């Protein structure tokens, strides 16, 4: 297997995520404690937790969990779901198992780095950039122009990380039709679905296409990354068979406690997602007011969905210097645009990722504001 490049985001987080005093770039919603999550359990969930045996679990996932995941889709059944250890394992194995060296893939930028580096380790990949000048709009015509006779997959992520963009319904349906008509697999990363505020949730790809793959996870919108439970839903069960065999070479099966806890959370999903949407809704005016105080330094637009966004930094020192000095001097962590650079397309060099899904960002913003004032 070709050597993959350093995962820039994870390398950066390894240095700063747990040492910075103020994590202002978190990609997940505010988490729950174990006690808070167990308080949401129904009788069956509580009994499963208290009687749990710590043996191996089924490779495809706990049947009750897959049934509950399937209930989050319009047209999926439990047998259309395969669970993984987080979304990254699912993404990695899908790209490795479904693409061949003679294939071609199309990936949107900016993106979560693995979305392009993993397929690039297998085959040729073309990038299509979201348009910042048009609210990070999805350009389906540009995707169509990038297609080749051997294009096997188009990979997208909405609500988008890092921009928070959600395309129009017309554009989304147009993309699904294009992939179906050309016999191309649509890989749809939907890990932030459920945190939309200003845009409606898109229909999930697997509900619109019998061959599309919908990726989701407990980490982002649900705010439970410590569970390490993700999944792919696809109504083409031969695809899931391939992915199951690939999983035999990685985690084999999921953590039994995590599966039960994920089941409890999904059965209480309206409460969990409602709570997290409420946190984002409370935070948006706070961030909007903060950036509005410094119009000479920042351009900020609220995300369409999710709990991350990608403001622009206008300072003469540049965004890389600002982010580095901010975390080194006062411990406020942001992600500079270099983390989201791409080998496929040009990407903005004056942006930074902010997380708006954690509770009580006021202290971190106050420290940041004081630092900006002292710098003059």
Protein backbone atom coordinates (compact mmCIF):
# COMPACT_ATOMS: atom_id res chain seq x y z
CA UNK A 1 0.00 0.00 0.00
CA UNK A 2 1.34 3.48 -0.80
CA UNK A 3 2.41 5.51 2.21
CA UNK A 4 -0.25 8.02 3.17
CA UNK A 5 0.85 11.60 3.93
CA UNK A 6 0.73 12.98 7.45
CA UNK A 7 -2.84 13.68 8.50
CA UNK A 8 -2.36 17.42 9.02
CA UNK A 9 -5.40 17.93 11.24
CA UNK A 10 -4.61 15.01 13.54
CA UNK A 11 -0.92 15.95 13.73
CA UNK A 12 -1.91 19.50 14.69
CA UNK A 13 -4.42 18.22 17.25
CA UNK A 14 -1.83 15.84 18.70
CA UNK A 15 0.19 18.92 19.59
CA UNK A 16 -2.57 21.20 20.82
CA UNK A 17 -5.99 19.55 21.33
CA UNK A 18 -5.48 18.52 24.94
CA UNK A 19 -2.95 21.13 25.98
CA UNK A 20 -4.65 24.32 24.73
CA UNK A 21 -6.77 25.96 27.40
CA UNK A 22 -9.57 26.95 25.02
CA UNK A 23 -10.58 24.52 22.26
CA UNK A 24 -12.41 26.91 19.93
CA UNK A 25 -12.19 24.78 16.80
CA UNK A 26 -13.92 21.59 17.97
CA UNK A 27 -15.68 19.72 15.19
CA UNK A 28 -18.15 17.94 17.48
CA UNK A 29 -21.17 19.13 19.39
CA UNK A 30 -21.09 19.37 23.19
CA UNK A 31 -20.83 15.87 24.59
CA UNK A 32 -22.86 14.16 27.28
CA UNK A 33 -21.49 12.50 30.38
CA UNK A 34 -22.09 8.79 30.80
CA UNK A 35 -24.58 9.52 33.58
CA UNK A 36 -26.49 11.98 31.37
CA UNK A 37 -26.64 9.49 28.52
CA UNK A 38 -27.77 6.59 30.72
CA UNK A 39 -30.52 8.83 32.12
CA UNK A 40 -31.99 8.85 28.60
CA UNK A 41 -32.13 5.04 28.38
CA UNK A 42 -35.41 3.22 27.98
CA UNK A 43 -36.00 0.01 29.95
CA UNK A 44 -34.50 -2.18 27.25
CA UNK A 45 -31.41 0.01 26.91
CA UNK A 46 -30.86 0.07 30.68
CA UNK A 47 -31.20 -3.72 30.90
CA UNK A 48 -28.78 -4.22 27.99
CA UNK A 49 -26.24 -1.96 29.71
CA UNK A 50 -26.50 -3.55 33.14
CA UNK A 51 -26.35 -7.14 31.83
CA UNK A 52 -23.73 -6.55 29.13
CA UNK A 53 -21.16 -9.30 28.59
CA UNK A 54 -17.81 -8.06 27.29
CA UNK A 55 -17.27 -10.57 24.52
CA UNK A 56 -16.78 -10.18 20.80
CA UNK A 57 -19.62 -8.55 18.90
CA UNK A 58 -21.00 -9.10 15.41
CA UNK A 59 -18.89 -7.60 12.63
CA UNK A 60 -21.86 -5.80 11.09
CA UNK A 61 -22.92 -4.38 14.43
CA UNK A 62 -25.42 -5.12 17.18
CA UNK A 63 -28.71 -6.04 15.41
CA UNK A 64 -30.78 -3.71 17.58
CA UNK A 65 -28.35 -0.88 16.86
CA UNK A 66 -28.53 -1.46 13.11
CA UNK A 67 -32.32 -1.48 13.34
CA UNK A 68 -32.26 1.88 15.15
CA UNK A 69 -29.81 3.32 12.62
CA UNK A 70 -32.03 2.12 9.77
CA UNK A 71 -34.95 3.97 11.38
CA UNK A 72 -33.09 7.25 10.76
CA UNK A 73 -33.54 6.66 6.99
CA UNK A 74 -36.69 6.58 4.88
CA UNK A 75 -35.86 3.50 2.83
CA UNK A 76 -33.18 1.55 4.72
CA UNK A 77 -33.49 -1.70 6.65
CA UNK A 78 -31.12 -3.12 9.26
CA UNK A 79 -29.43 -5.27 6.61
CA UNK A 80 -28.58 -2.06 4.71
CA UNK A 81 -26.36 -0.88 7.60
CA UNK A 82 -22.78 -1.80 8.50
CA UNK A 83 -21.20 -0.36 11.65
CA UNK A 84 -17.58 0.75 12.00
CA UNK A 85 -15.19 2.13 14.61
CA UNK A 86 -15.97 5.77 13.85
CA UNK A 87 -16.43 7.44 10.47
CA UNK A 88 -12.74 7.35 9.54
CA UNK A 89 -12.62 3.54 9.40
CA UNK A 90 -15.74 3.53 7.24
CA UNK A 91 -14.33 6.14 4.86
CA UNK A 92 -10.95 4.43 4.65
CA UNK A 93 -12.34 0.98 3.93
CA UNK A 94 -14.92 2.24 1.43
CA UNK A 95 -12.25 3.96 -0.64
CA UNK A 96 -9.86 1.02 -0.39
CA UNK A 97 -12.46 -1.67 -1.10
CA UNK A 98 -14.55 0.02 -3.80
CA UNK A 99 -11.88 1.74 -5.90
CA UNK A 100 -9.30 0.08 -8.17
CA UNK A 101 -6.05 1.54 -9.55
CA UNK A 102 -7.66 1.88 -13.00
CA UNK A 103 -10.57 3.92 -11.60
CA UNK A 104 -11.07 7.66 -11.28
CA UNK A 105 -12.83 9.53 -8.46
CA UNK A 106 -14.09 13.09 -7.97
CA UNK A 107 -13.84 14.77 -4.56
CA UNK A 108 -15.14 18.13 -3.37
CA UNK A 109 -12.79 20.64 -1.72
CA UNK A 110 -12.20 21.91 0.91
CA UNK A 111 -12.66 18.67 2.78
CA UNK A 112 -11.72 16.38 5.61
CA UNK A 113 -8.24 15.37 4.44
CA UNK A 114 -8.85 11.62 4.31
CA UNK A 115 -11.63 12.20 1.77
CA UNK A 116 -8.94 12.95 -0.83
CA UNK A 117 -5.74 11.35 0.45
CA UNK A 118 -7.21 7.86 0.84
CA UNK A 119 -8.64 7.64 -2.70
CA UNK A 120 -5.43 9.25 -4.03
CA UNK A 121 -3.55 6.28 -2.58
CA UNK A 122 -5.61 4.02 -4.84
CA UNK A 123 -6.37 5.79 -8.12
CA UNK A 124 -6.51 9.10 -10.00
CA UNK A 125 -8.65 11.75 -8.32
CA UNK A 126 -9.98 15.10 -9.53
CA UNK A 127 -11.11 17.89 -7.25
CA UNK A 128 -14.05 20.25 -7.63
CA UNK A 129 -14.02 23.28 -5.36
CA UNK A 130 -16.97 24.73 -3.53
CA UNK A 131 -17.26 28.40 -4.47
CA UNK A 132 -16.56 30.76 -1.52
CA UNK A 133 -17.67 33.77 -3.57
CA UNK A 134 -21.10 32.15 -3.89
CA UNK A 135 -21.62 30.96 -0.31
CA UNK A 136 -19.63 27.76 -0.91
CA UNK A 137 -22.13 26.67 -3.52
CA UNK A 138 -22.10 23.19 -5.04
CA UNK A 139 -21.30 23.36 -8.76
CA UNK A 140 -22.83 20.22 -10.26
CA UNK A 141 -21.86 21.32 -13.78
CA UNK A 142 -18.22 21.42 -12.67
CA UNK A 143 -18.55 17.90 -11.28
CA UNK A 144 -20.01 16.73 -14.57
CA UNK A 145 -17.11 18.29 -16.48
CA UNK A 146 -14.66 16.45 -14.20
CA UNK A 147 -16.17 13.03 -14.94
CA UNK A 148 -14.30 10.54 -17.10
CA UNK A 149 -15.33 7.25 -18.69
CA UNK A 150 -13.66 5.43 -15.78
CA UNK A 151 -15.07 7.59 -12.98
CA UNK A 152 -16.27 5.20 -10.31
CA UNK A 153 -17.04 7.46 -7.37
CA UNK A 154 -18.04 11.03 -6.47
CA UNK A 155 -17.36 11.89 -2.82
CA UNK A 156 -19.14 14.77 -1.06
CA UNK A 157 -19.68 16.03 2.50
CA UNK A 158 -22.77 18.05 3.55
CA UNK A 159 -23.16 19.90 5.85
CA UNK A 160 -19.60 20.54 4.81
CA UNK A 161 -16.53 20.42 7.02
CA UNK A 162 -15.05 23.05 7.33
CA UNK A 163 -17.43 25.52 5.66
CA UNK A 164 -20.82 24.52 7.08
CA UNK A 165 -22.31 24.72 3.57
CA UNK A 166 -25.48 22.88 2.57
CA UNK A 167 -26.40 22.86 -1.13
CA UNK A 168 -29.82 23.67 -2.49
CA UNK A 169 -32.25 20.78 -2.86
CA UNK A 170 -32.21 21.26 -6.63
CA UNK A 171 -28.42 20.93 -6.76
CA UNK A 172 -28.50 17.89 -4.49
CA UNK A 173 -31.11 16.08 -6.58
CA UNK A 174 -29.21 17.03 -9.73
CA UNK A 175 -26.02 15.46 -8.33
CA UNK A 176 -27.78 12.24 -7.31
CA UNK A 177 -29.38 11.93 -10.77
CA UNK A 178 -26.05 12.57 -12.48
CA UNK A 179 -24.33 9.79 -10.53
CA UNK A 180 -27.19 7.34 -11.11
CA UNK A 181 -27.35 8.07 -14.83
CA UNK A 182 -23.60 7.54 -15.23
CA UNK A 183 -23.45 4.44 -13.01
CA UNK A 184 -21.20 6.23 -10.52
CA UNK A 185 -21.21 5.52 -6.79
CA UNK A 186 -22.10 8.59 -4.72
CA UNK A 187 -20.26 8.56 -1.39
CA UNK A 188 -22.06 11.02 0.90
CA UNK A 189 -20.50 12.02 4.22
CA UNK A 190 -23.50 13.13 6.30
CA UNK A 191 -21.92 13.26 9.77
CA UNK A 192 -23.29 16.75 10.55
CA UNK A 193 -26.83 16.03 9.42
CA UNK A 194 -29.31 17.05 12.12
CA UNK A 195 -27.57 20.30 13.08
CA UNK A 196 -29.04 22.43 10.27
CA UNK A 197 -30.50 25.77 11.37
CA UNK A 198 -30.88 28.01 8.32
CA UNK A 199 -31.23 25.23 5.73
CA UNK A 200 -33.42 22.11 5.70
CA UNK A 201 -31.74 18.73 6.16
CA UNK A 202 -30.95 17.19 2.81
CA UNK A 203 -32.56 13.85 2.00
CA UNK A 204 -29.92 11.24 2.74
CA UNK A 205 -28.17 9.86 -0.30
CA UNK A 206 -29.08 6.25 0.36
CA UNK A 207 -32.76 7.23 0.48
CA UNK A 208 -32.47 8.74 -3.01
CA UNK A 209 -30.29 6.13 -4.70
CA UNK A 210 -30.06 2.38 -4.41
CA UNK A 211 -26.30 2.49 -4.97
CA UNK A 212 -25.28 5.55 -2.92
CA UNK A 213 -23.42 5.23 0.37
CA UNK A 214 -24.45 7.40 3.33
CA UNK A 215 -21.78 7.81 6.01
CA UNK A 216 -22.70 8.85 9.54
CA UNK A 217 -21.31 8.63 13.05
CA UNK A 218 -22.15 9.30 16.69
CA UNK A 219 -19.25 11.78 16.93
CA UNK A 220 -20.35 15.03 15.30
CA UNK A 221 -24.04 15.97 15.40
CA UNK A 222 -24.68 13.64 18.34
CA UNK A 223 -21.60 14.87 20.22
CA UNK A 224 -20.47 11.39 21.30
CA UNK A 225 -17.05 10.87 19.67
CA UNK A 226 -15.77 8.76 22.55
CA UNK A 227 -18.13 5.96 21.54
CA UNK A 228 -16.27 5.43 18.23
CA UNK A 229 -19.40 4.18 16.47
CA UNK A 230 -19.97 5.07 12.83
CA UNK A 231 -21.81 3.40 9.97
CA UNK A 232 -22.46 3.22 6.26
CA UNK A 233 -25.98 2.74 4.94
CA UNK A 234 -26.31 1.38 1.40
CA UNK A 235 -29.15 -0.52 -0.23
CA UNK A 236 -26.73 -2.38 -2.50
CA UNK A 237 -25.95 -5.18 -0.09
CA UNK A 238 -23.14 -6.54 -2.26
CA UNK A 239 -21.27 -3.33 -1.41
CA UNK A 240 -21.75 -3.95 2.31
CA UNK A 241 -20.51 -7.51 1.82
CA UNK A 242 -17.24 -6.12 0.41
CA UNK A 243 -16.93 -3.67 3.27
CA UNK A 244 -17.60 -6.35 5.86
CA UNK A 245 -14.78 -8.48 4.45
CA UNK A 246 -12.49 -5.43 4.50
CA UNK A 247 -13.41 -4.77 8.15
CA UNK A 248 -12.16 -8.24 9.01
CA UNK A 249 -8.66 -6.83 8.46
CA UNK A 250 -9.11 -3.78 10.70
CA UNK A 251 -11.27 -3.67 13.83
CA UNK A 252 -13.20 -6.92 13.12
CA UNK A 253 -16.01 -5.79 15.40
CA UNK A 254 -17.06 -2.83 17.51
CA UNK A 255 -16.85 -2.23 21.24
CA UNK A 256 -19.79 -3.88 23.00
CA UNK A 257 -20.31 -1.05 25.55
CA UNK A 258 -20.14 1.55 22.78
CA UNK A 259 -22.79 -0.25 20.75
CA UNK A 260 -25.24 -0.26 23.64
CA UNK A 261 -24.55 3.38 24.47
CA UNK A 262 -25.02 4.34 20.82
CA UNK A 263 -28.32 2.46 20.80
CA UNK A 264 -29.46 4.42 23.85
CA UNK A 265 -28.48 7.73 22.24
CA UNK A 266 -30.16 6.95 18.94
CA UNK A 267 -33.40 5.98 20.65
CA UNK A 268 -33.25 9.40 22.32
CA UNK A 269 -32.03 11.15 19.15
CA UNK A 270 -34.69 13.86 19.13
CA UNK A 271 -33.59 14.95 22.61
CA UNK A 272 -29.88 14.69 21.84
CA UNK A 273 -30.01 16.49 18.50
CA UNK A 274 -32.48 19.06 19.81
CA UNK A 275 -30.14 19.86 22.69
CA UNK A 276 -27.19 20.25 20.35
CA UNK A 277 -29.11 22.42 17.86
CA UNK A 278 -30.06 24.59 20.81
CA UNK A 279 -26.40 25.05 21.77
CA UNK A 280 -25.52 26.06 18.21
CA UNK A 281 -28.47 28.45 18.08
CA UNK A 282 -27.37 30.07 21.36
CA UNK A 283 -23.78 30.35 20.20
CA UNK A 284 -24.37 31.87 16.76
CA UNK A 285 -25.29 35.37 18.02
CA UNK A 286 -22.28 35.28 20.36
CA UNK A 287 -19.85 34.51 17.54
CA UNK A 288 -21.60 36.92 15.17
CA UNK A 289 -21.23 39.76 17.68
CA UNK A 290 -17.59 38.88 18.37
CA UNK A 291 -16.57 39.01 14.70
CA UNK A 292 -18.69 42.10 14.05
CA UNK A 293 -16.58 44.02 16.60
CA UNK A 294 -13.55 43.64 14.32
CA UNK A 295 -14.77 44.10 10.72
CA UNK A 296 -11.27 45.11 9.66
CA UNK A 297 -10.03 41.65 10.72
CA UNK A 298 -12.84 39.18 10.05
CA UNK A 299 -15.52 38.22 7.54
CA UNK A 300 -18.00 35.84 9.16
CA UNK A 301 -21.11 34.14 7.82
CA UNK A 302 -23.16 31.69 9.83
CA UNK A 303 -23.01 28.10 8.55
CA UNK A 304 -26.03 26.54 6.85
CA UNK A 305 -25.61 23.44 8.99
CA UNK A 306 -23.25 21.58 11.27
CA UNK A 307 -21.20 23.05 14.09
CA UNK A 308 -18.12 24.30 12.23
CA UNK A 309 -17.58 27.25 9.92
CA UNK A 310 -14.73 28.86 7.97
CA UNK A 311 -14.45 32.63 8.57
CA UNK A 312 -11.98 34.81 6.68
CA UNK A 313 -9.08 36.57 8.39
CA UNK A 314 -8.09 39.94 6.90
CA UNK A 315 -5.15 40.83 9.14
CA UNK A 316 -1.84 41.78 7.52
CA UNK A 317 0.01 39.12 9.54
CA UNK A 318 -1.92 36.33 7.82
CA UNK A 319 -4.06 33.56 9.23
CA UNK A 320 -1.23 31.10 9.86
CA UNK A 321 0.65 33.56 12.09
CA UNK A 322 -2.55 34.61 13.87
CA UNK A 323 -3.53 31.02 14.72
CA UNK A 324 -0.01 30.05 15.80
CA UNK A 325 0.52 33.05 18.05
CA UNK A 326 -2.98 32.81 19.51
CA UNK A 327 -2.54 29.25 20.73
CA UNK A 328 1.08 29.66 21.81
CA UNK A 329 0.53 32.91 23.72
CA UNK A 330 -2.92 32.52 25.29
CA UNK A 331 -3.97 28.95 24.58
CA UNK A 332 -6.90 29.55 22.19
CA UNK A 333 -6.95 26.84 19.54
CA UNK A 334 -8.13 27.44 15.96
CA UNK A 335 -7.38 25.55 12.74
CA UNK A 336 -5.65 27.65 10.06
CA UNK A 337 -6.44 27.21 6.37
CA UNK A 338 -3.25 25.21 5.71
CA UNK A 339 -4.91 22.27 7.48
CA UNK A 340 -7.46 22.28 4.64
CA UNK A 341 -5.07 22.72 1.72
CA UNK A 342 -5.66 20.34 -1.15
CA UNK A 343 -3.52 18.59 -3.73
CA UNK A 344 -6.50 18.69 -6.10
CA UNK A 345 -7.63 22.33 -6.26
CA UNK A 346 -6.73 25.73 -4.98
CA UNK A 347 -8.17 26.37 -1.54
CA UNK A 348 -8.46 29.65 0.38
CA UNK A 349 -5.35 30.64 2.33
CA UNK A 350 -7.01 33.26 4.53
CA UNK A 351 -9.55 31.14 6.42
CA UNK A 352 -9.69 29.36 9.76
CA UNK A 353 -12.06 26.81 11.25
CA UNK A 354 -14.17 27.70 14.26
CA UNK A 355 -16.36 25.28 16.18
CA UNK A 356 -19.69 26.61 17.40
CA UNK A 357 -21.15 23.47 18.98
CA UNK A 358 -19.58 23.59 22.43
CA UNK A 359 -21.25 25.20 25.43
CA UNK A 360 -20.09 28.49 26.95
CA UNK A 361 -17.59 29.85 24.39
CA UNK A 362 -17.65 33.27 26.07
CA UNK A 363 -14.45 32.83 28.09
CA UNK A 364 -12.44 31.70 25.06
CA UNK A 365 -13.78 34.58 22.97
CA UNK A 366 -12.95 37.04 25.75
CA UNK A 367 -9.36 35.78 25.89
CA UNK A 368 -9.12 36.02 22.11
CA UNK A 369 -10.60 39.53 22.13
CA UNK A 370 -8.21 40.75 24.81
CA UNK A 371 -5.29 39.30 22.84
CA UNK A 372 -6.41 41.12 19.70
CA UNK A 373 -6.68 44.41 21.61
CA UNK A 374 -3.18 44.08 23.06
CA UNK A 375 -1.75 43.38 19.64
CA UNK A 376 -3.31 46.61 18.39
